[in-house]
Protein backbone atom coordinates (compact mmCIF):
# COMPACT_ATOMS: atom_id res chain seq x y z
CA MET A 1 -9.48 39.35 -26.06
CA LEU A 2 -7.84 40.92 -23.73
CA THR A 3 -10.84 40.73 -21.37
CA LEU A 4 -10.51 37.09 -21.73
CA ALA A 5 -6.52 37.21 -21.14
CA VAL A 6 -7.56 39.23 -17.61
CA LEU A 7 -9.92 37.14 -16.69
CA LEU A 8 -7.93 33.95 -16.71
CA LEU A 9 -5.24 35.76 -14.97
CA PRO A 10 -5.93 35.35 -12.05
CA GLY A 11 -7.47 31.68 -12.09
CA LEU A 12 -3.74 30.97 -13.64
CA SER A 13 -1.67 32.30 -10.71
CA LEU A 14 -3.63 30.27 -8.28
CA LEU A 15 -3.00 26.81 -10.56
CA LEU A 16 0.43 28.00 -10.29
CA VAL A 17 0.52 28.42 -6.57
CA VAL A 18 -0.91 25.07 -6.20
CA MET A 19 1.09 23.38 -8.04
CA SER A 20 4.30 24.95 -6.48
CA ARG A 21 3.12 23.83 -3.09
CA ILE A 22 1.83 20.20 -4.22
CA GLU A 23 5.90 19.94 -6.08
CA ASP A 24 7.32 20.80 -2.78
CA THR A 25 5.39 18.81 -0.54
CA LEU A 26 6.31 15.82 -3.15
CA GLN A 27 10.06 16.32 -3.25
CA ARG A 28 10.41 16.59 0.82
CA GLU A 29 11.79 13.58 2.81
CA PRO A 30 8.60 11.73 4.33
CA HIS A 31 9.19 12.40 8.60
CA PRO A 32 9.72 8.70 10.13
CA ALA A 33 6.72 7.13 11.43
CA ARG A 34 5.82 7.73 15.22
CA HIS A 35 5.03 4.50 16.13
CA ALA A 36 8.38 3.08 14.62
CA ARG A 37 10.77 3.22 17.42
CA PRO A 38 13.76 0.48 17.25
CA ARG A 39 12.94 -0.82 21.15
CA HIS A 40 9.64 -1.93 19.95
CA LEU A 41 10.43 -3.87 17.13
CA ARG A 42 11.73 -7.57 17.99
CA LEU A 43 12.06 -9.32 14.56
CA LEU A 44 15.24 -11.09 15.62
CA PRO A 45 14.83 -14.55 17.16
CA GLY A 46 16.69 -14.61 20.50
CA GLY A 47 16.32 -10.62 21.15
CA LYS A 48 14.81 -10.99 24.24
CA ALA A 49 12.88 -14.10 26.02
CA THR A 50 9.23 -13.89 26.23
CA GLY A 51 8.55 -17.05 27.53
CA ASN A 52 6.18 -18.08 24.52
CA ASP A 53 7.88 -21.46 22.91
CA ALA A 54 5.77 -21.32 20.12
CA THR A 55 7.27 -18.88 18.00
CA GLU A 56 10.54 -20.64 17.88
CA PRO A 57 11.17 -23.29 15.00
CA GLU A 58 11.10 -26.73 15.64
CA GLU A 59 15.04 -27.52 15.03
CA HIS A 60 15.84 -24.93 17.63
CA SER A 61 14.25 -25.96 20.01
CA ALA A 62 15.57 -29.62 19.50
CA ALA A 63 18.75 -28.52 19.67
CA ALA A 64 18.72 -27.37 23.27
C-alpha cells in the first residue's frame, strides 16, 4: 500500500501543477486583439466620406 502511494505521488503532484497553471490562465483578463485598433473601425455611417454611395441608405440619399 505504501509503495502504491509513493508511486502515485509524482503523478498527482504533476496534475496539481498543471491544473493550477490552467486555472491561472483561465482567470486572466484577455489581451485586446492586435488587429482591433479603433482607427480602423468605421461602423457608423457618416464617419468618413469614401465615395461609395452603395452603402448609404435610400432615405439618406433622397433627403440630400
